[in-house]
């Protein structure tokens, strides 16, 4: 049940807008409605084109899927990404010899290999699939293969590092990644754009503060791994408790229109 409240200040911490792409790694409830309503009321929206794609997600598996499952990027420490060299090759990965495999990241970016940055790895996977080299029933996937690491380090060592991820993958796909390569594909993961804020985390609408992924600050055009946690800590712990208090000290309490004010009634009816 929806309810409305009047306030001297409002904090939006409602996440990003990745779900405008329909399927992303975001929860379905993270649907950008709060920031969009604020934008319609005049709040500036900055850098909406800055969207981060994550390279290691489980591909779409059905028409009724609500989100895409993120597999940790740490998997690329020991997994090798490859696709068949021949278009439309539907053989089991175990039946495709080394000479007919394209380890595309290692070939294109020998300095980085499978640890190439997210945007590079994502682009390489999409290019391979667009060229007809994708794997799986839909052709929208590439292999992430741990066979070499298991041979070199032993299955127990790989299990120590990734057991929870391997279990999650097997529960979703029914495939054992210790015995056959994972299938992965890029997915929208994070949005660096959002509502514009100043250094006090306040939007251009007085009293509207925006924190975390809902605002545009900190990350530029491409967020570095784990820095979203840094932003959440900085915004919510080190900045906002002081800046919102300073704002309220300046405007005073009960500075907002009363509920019987014409503007308040209109805002409530539009909510």
C-alpha atoms as a PDB file:
ATOM      1  CA  UNK A   1       0.000   0.000   0.000  1.00  0.00           C
ATOM      2  CA  UNK A   2       1.381   3.382  -1.001  1.00  0.00           C
ATOM      3  CA  UNK A   3       1.334   6.293   1.419  1.00  0.00           C
ATOM      4  CA  UNK A   4       2.492   9.903   1.155  1.00  0.00           C
ATOM      5  CA  UNK A   5       4.420  11.992   3.660  1.00  0.00           C
ATOM      6  CA  UNK A   6       5.551  15.601   3.868  1.00  0.00           C
ATOM      7  CA  UNK A   7       9.181  16.264   4.792  1.00  0.00           C
ATOM      8  CA  UNK A   8      11.751  19.025   5.083  1.00  0.00           C
ATOM      9  CA  UNK A   9      14.308  16.879   3.261  1.00  0.00           C
ATOM     10  CA  UNK A  10      14.206  13.660   1.282  1.00  0.00           C
ATOM     11  CA  UNK A  11      16.977  11.135   0.634  1.00  0.00           C
ATOM     12  CA  UNK A  12      16.791   8.926  -2.452  1.00  0.00           C
ATOM     13  CA  UNK A  13      18.908   5.785  -2.234  1.00  0.00           C
ATOM     14  CA  UNK A  14      16.952   3.819  -4.804  1.00  0.00           C
ATOM     15  CA  UNK A  15      19.708   2.398  -6.998  1.00  0.00           C
ATOM     16  CA  UNK A  16      20.417   2.663 -10.692  1.00  0.00           C
ATOM     17  CA  UNK A  17      18.453   2.357 -13.917  1.00  0.00           C
ATOM     18  CA  UNK A  18      19.940  -0.832 -15.362  1.00  0.00           C
ATOM     19  CA  UNK A  19      16.520  -2.443 -15.732  1.00  0.00           C
ATOM     20  CA  UNK A  20      15.553  -0.026 -18.495  1.00  0.00           C
ATOM     21  CA  UNK A  21      17.406  -2.605 -20.623  1.00  0.00           C
ATOM     22  CA  UNK A  22      14.752  -5.167 -19.530  1.00  0.00           C
ATOM     23  CA  UNK A  23      17.138  -7.799 -18.149  1.00  0.00           C
ATOM     24  CA  UNK A  24      20.118  -6.878 -15.993  1.00  0.00           C
ATOM     25  CA  UNK A  25      21.833  -8.171 -12.871  1.00  0.00           C
ATOM     26  CA  UNK A  26      19.731  -5.761 -10.788  1.00  0.00           C
ATOM     27  CA  UNK A  27      16.793  -6.866  -8.678  1.00  0.00           C
ATOM     28  CA  UNK A  28      13.501  -6.365 -10.504  1.00  0.00           C
ATOM     29  CA  UNK A  29      12.301  -3.984  -7.796  1.00  0.00           C
ATOM     30  CA  UNK A  30      15.134  -1.603  -8.684  1.00  0.00           C
ATOM     31  CA  UNK A  31      13.109   0.036 -11.432  1.00  0.00           C
ATOM     32  CA  UNK A  32      14.216   3.708 -11.474  1.00  0.00           C
ATOM     33  CA  UNK A  33      10.702   5.007 -10.737  1.00  0.00           C
ATOM     34  CA  UNK A  34      11.824   7.230  -7.841  1.00  0.00           C
ATOM     35  CA  UNK A  35      14.601   9.008  -9.706  1.00  0.00           C
ATOM     36  CA  UNK A  36      12.431   9.297 -12.817  1.00  0.00           C
ATOM     37  CA  UNK A  37       9.662  10.973 -10.805  1.00  0.00           C
ATOM     38  CA  UNK A  38      12.240  13.375  -9.368  1.00  0.00           C
ATOM     39  CA  UNK A  39      13.531  14.125 -12.872  1.00  0.00           C
ATOM     40  CA  UNK A  40       9.990  14.846 -14.066  1.00  0.00           C
ATOM     41  CA  UNK A  41       9.705  17.325 -11.196  1.00  0.00           C
ATOM     42  CA  UNK A  42      12.809  19.147 -12.407  1.00  0.00           C
ATOM     43  CA  UNK A  43      15.792  17.296 -10.927  1.00  0.00           C
ATOM     44  CA  UNK A  44      18.681  17.204 -13.369  1.00  0.00           C
ATOM     45  CA  UNK A  45      19.722  13.790 -14.711  1.00  0.00           C
ATOM     46  CA  UNK A  46      23.409  13.474 -15.585  1.00  0.00           C
ATOM     47  CA  UNK A  47      25.325  11.069 -17.836  1.00  0.00           C
ATOM     48  CA  UNK A  48      22.532   8.567 -18.597  1.00  0.00           C
ATOM     49  CA  UNK A  49      24.705   6.952 -21.298  1.00  0.00           C
ATOM     50  CA  UNK A  50      27.256   5.728 -18.734  1.00  0.00           C
ATOM     51  CA  UNK A  51      26.265   2.096 -18.311  1.00  0.00           C
ATOM     52  CA  UNK A  52      28.590  -0.691 -17.193  1.00  0.00           C
ATOM     53  CA  UNK A  53      28.322  -4.146 -18.707  1.00  0.00           C
ATOM     54  CA  UNK A  54      29.540  -7.132 -16.679  1.00  0.00           C
ATOM     55  CA  UNK A  55      31.181  -9.891 -18.749  1.00  0.00           C
ATOM     56  CA  UNK A  56      30.514 -12.943 -16.556  1.00  0.00           C
ATOM     57  CA  UNK A  57      26.788 -13.544 -16.177  1.00  0.00           C
ATOM     58  CA  UNK A  58      24.703 -16.646 -16.775  1.00  0.00           C
ATOM     59  CA  UNK A  59      23.000 -16.293 -20.189  1.00  0.00           C
ATOM     60  CA  UNK A  60      19.249 -15.945 -20.621  1.00  0.00           C
ATOM     61  CA  UNK A  61      17.688 -19.353 -20.061  1.00  0.00           C
ATOM     62  CA  UNK A  62      13.971 -18.770 -20.646  1.00  0.00           C
ATOM     63  CA  UNK A  63      11.195 -16.348 -21.548  1.00  0.00           C
ATOM     64  CA  UNK A  64      10.088 -15.864 -17.940  1.00  0.00           C
ATOM     65  CA  UNK A  65      13.436 -14.894 -16.440  1.00  0.00           C
ATOM     66  CA  UNK A  66      13.252 -11.823 -14.176  1.00  0.00           C
ATOM     67  CA  UNK A  67      16.984 -11.025 -14.009  1.00  0.00           C
ATOM     68  CA  UNK A  68      20.403 -12.234 -15.075  1.00  0.00           C
ATOM     69  CA  UNK A  69      22.607 -13.899 -12.479  1.00  0.00           C
ATOM     70  CA  UNK A  70      26.017 -12.394 -11.900  1.00  0.00           C
ATOM     71  CA  UNK A  71      28.967 -14.743 -11.610  1.00  0.00           C
ATOM     72  CA  UNK A  72      31.913 -13.164  -9.816  1.00  0.00           C
ATOM     73  CA  UNK A  73      34.608 -11.656 -11.969  1.00  0.00           C
ATOM     74  CA  UNK A  74      37.132 -13.498  -9.809  1.00  0.00           C
ATOM     75  CA  UNK A  75      36.354 -16.590 -11.902  1.00  0.00           C
ATOM     76  CA  UNK A  76      38.470 -15.126 -14.688  1.00  0.00           C
ATOM     77  CA  UNK A  77      41.548 -15.560 -12.498  1.00  0.00           C
ATOM     78  CA  UNK A  78      41.467 -19.281 -13.277  1.00  0.00           C
ATOM     79  CA  UNK A  79      38.958 -19.665 -16.115  1.00  0.00           C
ATOM     80  CA  UNK A  80      39.832 -19.276 -19.800  1.00  0.00           C
ATOM     81  CA  UNK A  81      37.310 -17.744 -22.199  1.00  0.00           C
ATOM     82  CA  UNK A  82      36.961 -19.384 -25.600  1.00  0.00           C
ATOM     83  CA  UNK A  83      34.571 -20.026 -28.480  1.00  0.00           C
ATOM     84  CA  UNK A  84      34.699 -22.522 -31.367  1.00  0.00           C
ATOM     85  CA  UNK A  85      36.574 -21.262 -34.405  1.00  0.00           C
ATOM     86  CA  UNK A  86      33.825 -22.546 -36.710  1.00  0.00           C
ATOM     87  CA  UNK A  87      30.411 -20.910 -36.904  1.00  0.00           C
ATOM     88  CA  UNK A  88      27.491 -22.984 -35.715  1.00  0.00           C
ATOM     89  CA  UNK A  89      29.676 -25.630 -34.066  1.00  0.00           C
ATOM     90  CA  UNK A  90      27.211 -27.455 -31.784  1.00  0.00           C
ATOM     91  CA  UNK A  91      29.563 -30.169 -30.575  1.00  0.00           C
ATOM     92  CA  UNK A  92      30.067 -30.712 -26.887  1.00  0.00           C
ATOM     93  CA  UNK A  93      33.003 -28.586 -25.680  1.00  0.00           C
ATOM     94  CA  UNK A  94      34.872 -31.771 -24.765  1.00  0.00           C
ATOM     95  CA  UNK A  95      34.666 -32.836 -28.424  1.00  0.00           C
ATOM     96  CA  UNK A  96      36.189 -29.624 -29.762  1.00  0.00           C
ATOM     97  CA  UNK A  97      39.988 -30.014 -29.983  1.00  0.00           C
ATOM     98  CA  UNK A  98      42.372 -27.251 -28.909  1.00  0.00           C
ATOM     99  CA  UNK A  99      43.217 -26.488 -32.528  1.00  0.00           C
ATOM    100  CA  UNK A 100      39.565 -25.551 -33.181  1.00  0.00           C
ATOM    101  CA  UNK A 101      39.179 -23.269 -30.151  1.00  0.00           C
ATOM    102  CA  UNK A 102      39.639 -19.495 -30.170  1.00  0.00           C
ATOM    103  CA  UNK A 103      40.817 -18.161 -26.809  1.00  0.00           C
ATOM    104  CA  UNK A 104      39.766 -14.736 -27.988  1.00  0.00           C
ATOM    105  CA  UNK A 105      40.874 -12.584 -25.049  1.00  0.00           C
ATOM    106  CA  UNK A 106      44.288 -14.221 -24.903  1.00  0.00           C
ATOM    107  CA  UNK A 107      44.654 -13.775 -28.662  1.00  0.00           C
ATOM    108  CA  UNK A 108      43.481 -10.152 -28.835  1.00  0.00           C
ATOM    109  CA  UNK A 109      44.961  -8.859 -25.590  1.00  0.00           C
ATOM    110  CA  UNK A 110      48.004 -10.966 -24.685  1.00  0.00           C
ATOM    111  CA  UNK A 111      49.102  -8.574 -21.925  1.00  0.00           C
ATOM    112  CA  UNK A 112      45.791  -8.899 -20.063  1.00  0.00           C
ATOM    113  CA  UNK A 113      44.435 -12.167 -21.380  1.00  0.00           C
ATOM    114  CA  UNK A 114      41.377 -13.334 -19.479  1.00  0.00           C
ATOM    115  CA  UNK A 115      41.844 -10.529 -16.937  1.00  0.00           C
ATOM    116  CA  UNK A 116      40.996  -7.835 -19.485  1.00  0.00           C
ATOM    117  CA  UNK A 117      38.825  -4.997 -18.094  1.00  0.00           C
ATOM    118  CA  UNK A 118      35.072  -5.521 -18.000  1.00  0.00           C
ATOM    119  CA  UNK A 119      34.203  -3.437 -21.036  1.00  0.00           C
ATOM    120  CA  UNK A 120      36.868  -5.125 -23.167  1.00  0.00           C
ATOM    121  CA  UNK A 121      35.871  -8.644 -22.099  1.00  0.00           C
ATOM    122  CA  UNK A 122      32.180  -7.864 -22.606  1.00  0.00           C
ATOM    123  CA  UNK A 123      32.762  -6.430 -26.066  1.00  0.00           C
ATOM    124  CA  UNK A 124      34.843  -9.432 -27.116  1.00  0.00           C
ATOM    125  CA  UNK A 125      32.119 -11.863 -26.009  1.00  0.00           C
ATOM    126  CA  UNK A 126      29.393  -9.956 -27.840  1.00  0.00           C
ATOM    127  CA  UNK A 127      31.479  -9.667 -31.000  1.00  0.00           C
ATOM    128  CA  UNK A 128      32.075 -13.419 -30.995  1.00  0.00           C
ATOM    129  CA  UNK A 129      28.370 -14.159 -30.569  1.00  0.00           C
ATOM    130  CA  UNK A 130      27.371 -11.600 -33.203  1.00  0.00           C
ATOM    131  CA  UNK A 131      29.778 -13.352 -35.582  1.00  0.00           C
ATOM    132  CA  UNK A 132      27.918 -16.645 -35.105  1.00  0.00           C
ATOM    133  CA  UNK A 133      30.497 -18.216 -32.796  1.00  0.00           C
ATOM    134  CA  UNK A 134      28.368 -18.174 -29.646  1.00  0.00           C
ATOM    135  CA  UNK A 135      27.716 -21.374 -27.714  1.00  0.00           C
ATOM    136  CA  UNK A 136      24.662 -22.923 -26.115  1.00  0.00           C
ATOM    137  CA  UNK A 137      21.209 -23.398 -27.572  1.00  0.00           C
ATOM    138  CA  UNK A 138      20.675 -19.667 -28.103  1.00  0.00           C
ATOM    139  CA  UNK A 139      24.185 -18.956 -29.351  1.00  0.00           C
ATOM    140  CA  UNK A 140      24.348 -16.138 -26.798  1.00  0.00           C
ATOM    141  CA  UNK A 141      27.247 -17.306 -24.680  1.00  0.00           C
ATOM    142  CA  UNK A 142      30.960 -18.051 -24.550  1.00  0.00           C
ATOM    143  CA  UNK A 143      32.792 -20.714 -22.587  1.00  0.00           C
ATOM    144  CA  UNK A 144      34.617 -20.041 -19.326  1.00  0.00           C
ATOM    145  CA  UNK A 145      36.781 -23.124 -18.964  1.00  0.00           C
ATOM    146  CA  UNK A 146      38.544 -24.262 -15.777  1.00  0.00           C
ATOM    147  CA  UNK A 147      40.001 -27.503 -17.123  1.00  0.00           C
ATOM    148  CA  UNK A 148      43.575 -26.213 -17.322  1.00  0.00           C
ATOM    149  CA  UNK A 149      43.460 -24.762 -13.803  1.00  0.00           C
ATOM    150  CA  UNK A 150      41.979 -27.960 -12.393  1.00  0.00           C
ATOM    151  CA  UNK A 151      44.745 -29.956 -14.069  1.00  0.00           C
ATOM    152  CA  UNK A 152      47.432 -27.578 -12.823  1.00  0.00           C
ATOM    153  CA  UNK A 153      46.153 -26.848  -9.290  1.00  0.00           C
ATOM    154  CA  UNK A 154      43.823 -29.752  -8.554  1.00  0.00           C
ATOM    155  CA  UNK A 155      40.055 -29.782  -8.135  1.00  0.00           C
ATOM    156  CA  UNK A 156      40.291 -29.234  -4.368  1.00  0.00           C
ATOM    157  CA  UNK A 157      42.116 -25.917  -4.823  1.00  0.00           C
ATOM    158  CA  UNK A 158      39.528 -24.686  -7.325  1.00  0.00           C
ATOM    159  CA  UNK A 159      36.767 -25.820  -4.973  1.00  0.00           C
ATOM    160  CA  UNK A 160      38.350 -23.856  -2.120  1.00  0.00           C
ATOM    161  CA  UNK A 161      38.292 -20.726  -4.258  1.00  0.00           C
ATOM    162  CA  UNK A 162      34.936 -20.963  -6.020  1.00  0.00           C
ATOM    163  CA  UNK A 163      32.763 -23.631  -4.401  1.00  0.00           C
ATOM    164  CA  UNK A 164      29.807 -21.331  -3.713  1.00  0.00           C
ATOM    165  CA  UNK A 165      29.877 -19.929  -7.257  1.00  0.00           C
ATOM    166  CA  UNK A 166      30.153 -23.368  -8.836  1.00  0.00           C
ATOM    167  CA  UNK A 167      27.242 -24.610  -6.720  1.00  0.00           C
ATOM    168  CA  UNK A 168      25.086 -21.636  -7.712  1.00  0.00           C
ATOM    169  CA  UNK A 169      25.904 -22.146 -11.387  1.00  0.00           C
ATOM    170  CA  UNK A 170      25.023 -25.843 -11.232  1.00  0.00           C
ATOM    171  CA  UNK A 171      21.741 -25.143  -9.421  1.00  0.00           C
ATOM    172  CA  UNK A 172      20.682 -22.694 -12.126  1.00  0.00           C
ATOM    173  CA  UNK A 173      21.930 -24.498 -15.232  1.00  0.00           C
ATOM    174  CA  UNK A 174      22.118 -28.148 -14.181  1.00  0.00           C
ATOM    175  CA  UNK A 175      25.687 -28.282 -15.518  1.00  0.00           C
ATOM    176  CA  UNK A 176      28.755 -29.220 -13.470  1.00  0.00           C
ATOM    177  CA  UNK A 177      31.518 -26.621 -14.073  1.00  0.00           C
ATOM    178  CA  UNK A 178      34.140 -29.012 -12.696  1.00  0.00           C
ATOM    179  CA  UNK A 179      33.389 -31.320 -15.629  1.00  0.00           C
ATOM    180  CA  UNK A 180      32.499 -28.910 -18.429  1.00  0.00           C
ATOM    181  CA  UNK A 181      33.023 -25.202 -19.129  1.00  0.00           C
ATOM    182  CA  UNK A 182      30.619 -22.586 -17.813  1.00  0.00           C
ATOM    183  CA  UNK A 183      28.606 -20.626 -20.350  1.00  0.00           C
ATOM    184  CA  UNK A 184      28.636 -16.880 -19.717  1.00  0.00           C
ATOM    185  CA  UNK A 185      27.449 -13.724 -21.467  1.00  0.00           C
ATOM    186  CA  UNK A 186      27.616  -9.977 -20.706  1.00  0.00           C
ATOM    187  CA  UNK A 187      24.777  -8.204 -18.914  1.00  0.00           C
ATOM    188  CA  UNK A 188      23.995  -4.674 -17.763  1.00  0.00           C
ATOM    189  CA  UNK A 189      25.329  -4.442 -14.229  1.00  0.00           C
ATOM    190  CA  UNK A 190      25.782  -0.857 -13.011  1.00  0.00           C
ATOM    191  CA  UNK A 191      24.882   2.662 -14.088  1.00  0.00           C
ATOM    192  CA  UNK A 192      27.310   5.511 -13.497  1.00  0.00           C
ATOM    193  CA  UNK A 193      24.775   8.148 -14.490  1.00  0.00           C
ATOM    194  CA  UNK A 194      21.976   9.315 -12.231  1.00  0.00           C
ATOM    195  CA  UNK A 195      20.478  12.410 -10.667  1.00  0.00           C
ATOM    196  CA  UNK A 196      22.904  15.325 -10.570  1.00  0.00           C
ATOM    197  CA  UNK A 197      24.122  16.268  -7.088  1.00  0.00           C
ATOM    198  CA  UNK A 198      26.498  18.877  -5.688  1.00  0.00           C
ATOM    199  CA  UNK A 199      29.294  18.193  -3.215  1.00  0.00           C
ATOM    200  CA  UNK A 200      26.701  18.070  -0.441  1.00  0.00           C
ATOM    201  CA  UNK A 201      24.837  15.281  -2.289  1.00  0.00           C
ATOM    202  CA  UNK A 202      21.862  17.577  -2.860  1.00  0.00           C
ATOM    203  CA  UNK A 203      20.189  17.779  -6.255  1.00  0.00           C
ATOM    204  CA  UNK A 204      19.199  21.063  -7.865  1.00  0.00           C
ATOM    205  CA  UNK A 205      15.844  20.671  -6.071  1.00  0.00           C
ATOM    206  CA  UNK A 206      16.413  22.116  -2.575  1.00  0.00           C
ATOM    207  CA  UNK A 207      16.038  19.431   0.078  1.00  0.00           C
ATOM    208  CA  UNK A 208      16.286  16.470  -2.305  1.00  0.00           C
ATOM    209  CA  UNK A 209      19.435  14.480  -1.494  1.00  0.00           C
ATOM    210  CA  UNK A 210      20.527  11.525  -3.629  1.00  0.00           C
ATOM    211  CA  UNK A 211      23.051   8.864  -2.614  1.00  0.00           C
ATOM    212  CA  UNK A 212      24.713   5.762  -4.033  1.00  0.00           C
ATOM    213  CA  UNK A 213      23.979   4.495  -7.517  1.00  0.00           C
ATOM    214  CA  UNK A 214      20.961   6.797  -7.745  1.00  0.00           C
ATOM    215  CA  UNK A 215      23.266   9.791  -8.233  1.00  0.00           C
ATOM    216  CA  UNK A 216      25.837  10.449 -10.946  1.00  0.00           C
ATOM    217  CA  UNK A 217      28.902  11.165  -8.816  1.00  0.00           C
ATOM    218  CA  UNK A 218      32.256   9.469  -8.172  1.00  0.00           C
ATOM    219  CA  UNK A 219      32.687   6.939 -10.979  1.00  0.00           C
ATOM    220  CA  UNK A 220      33.074   8.872 -14.226  1.00  0.00           C
ATOM    221  CA  UNK A 221      32.362   6.840 -17.346  1.00  0.00           C
ATOM    222  CA  UNK A 222      33.329   3.413 -16.000  1.00  0.00           C
ATOM    223  CA  UNK A 223      33.183   2.283 -12.370  1.00  0.00           C
ATOM    224  CA  UNK A 224      36.125   0.346 -10.969  1.00  0.00           C
ATOM    225  CA  UNK A 225      35.350  -2.937  -9.237  1.00  0.00           C
ATOM    226  CA  UNK A 226      34.109  -2.654  -5.625  1.00  0.00           C
ATOM    227  CA  UNK A 227      34.140   1.159  -5.676  1.00  0.00           C
ATOM    228  CA  UNK A 228      30.339   1.157  -5.390  1.00  0.00           C
ATOM    229  CA  UNK A 229      30.883  -0.027  -1.818  1.00  0.00           C
ATOM    230  CA  UNK A 230      33.228   2.899  -1.321  1.00  0.00           C
ATOM    231  CA  UNK A 231      30.588   5.296  -2.609  1.00  0.00           C
ATOM    232  CA  UNK A 232      27.904   3.822  -0.377  1.00  0.00           C
ATOM    233  CA  UNK A 233      30.158   4.220   2.644  1.00  0.00           C
ATOM    234  CA  UNK A 234      31.275   7.733   1.722  1.00  0.00           C
ATOM    235  CA  UNK A 235      27.796   9.001   0.835  1.00  0.00           C
ATOM    236  CA  UNK A 236      25.906   7.445   3.707  1.00  0.00           C
ATOM    237  CA  UNK A 237      28.451   7.635   6.520  1.00  0.00           C
ATOM    238  CA  UNK A 238      30.964  10.395   5.876  1.00  0.00           C
ATOM    239  CA  UNK A 239      29.013  13.013   3.900  1.00  0.00           C
ATOM    240  CA  UNK A 240      25.234  12.920   4.184  1.00  0.00           C
ATOM    241  CA  UNK A 241      24.935  12.922   8.017  1.00  0.00           C
ATOM    242  CA  UNK A 242      26.707  16.284   8.031  1.00  0.00           C
ATOM    243  CA  UNK A 243      25.403  17.966   4.892  1.00  0.00           C
ATOM    244  CA  UNK A 244      21.734  17.184   5.460  1.00  0.00           C
ATOM    245  CA  UNK A 245      22.028  18.429   9.031  1.00  0.00           C
ATOM    246  CA  UNK A 246      23.624  21.626   7.791  1.00  0.00           C
ATOM    247  CA  UNK A 247      20.799  22.079   5.280  1.00  0.00           C
ATOM    248  CA  UNK A 248      18.110  21.567   7.916  1.00  0.00           C
ATOM    249  CA  UNK A 249      19.872  23.960  10.265  1.00  0.00           C
ATOM    250  CA  UNK A 250      19.640  26.590   7.559  1.00  0.00           C
ATOM    251  CA  UNK A 251      16.007  26.155   6.502  1.00  0.00           C
ATOM    252  CA  UNK A 252      14.574  25.049   9.818  1.00  0.00           C
ATOM    253  CA  UNK A 253      12.036  22.347  10.469  1.00  0.00           C
ATOM    254  CA  UNK A 254       8.503  22.437   9.070  1.00  0.00           C
ATOM    255  CA  UNK A 255       9.772  24.448   6.107  1.00  0.00           C
ATOM    256  CA  UNK A 256       7.690  22.386   3.693  1.00  0.00           C
ATOM    257  CA  UNK A 257       4.133  23.306   2.652  1.00  0.00           C
ATOM    258  CA  UNK A 258       1.344  22.002   4.842  1.00  0.00           C
ATOM    259  CA  UNK A 259      -0.753  19.144   3.508  1.00  0.00           C
ATOM    260  CA  UNK A 260      -3.689  21.467   2.795  1.00  0.00           C
ATOM    261  CA  UNK A 261      -1.528  23.779   0.666  1.00  0.00           C
ATOM    262  CA  UNK A 262      -2.510  23.800  -3.023  1.00  0.00           C
ATOM    263  CA  UNK A 263       0.952  22.699  -4.186  1.00  0.00           C
ATOM    264  CA  UNK A 264       1.045  19.926  -1.601  1.00  0.00           C
ATOM    265  CA  UNK A 265      -2.380  18.664  -2.669  1.00  0.00           C
ATOM    266  CA  UNK A 266      -1.270  18.603  -6.297  1.00  0.00           C
ATOM    267  CA  UNK A 267       1.945  16.758  -5.420  1.00  0.00           C
ATOM    268  CA  UNK A 268       0.007  14.189  -3.416  1.00  0.00           C
ATOM    269  CA  UNK A 269      -2.500  13.641  -6.218  1.00  0.00           C
ATOM    270  CA  UNK A 270       0.339  13.206  -8.735  1.00  0.00           C
ATOM    271  CA  UNK A 271       2.269  10.740  -6.555  1.00  0.00           C
END
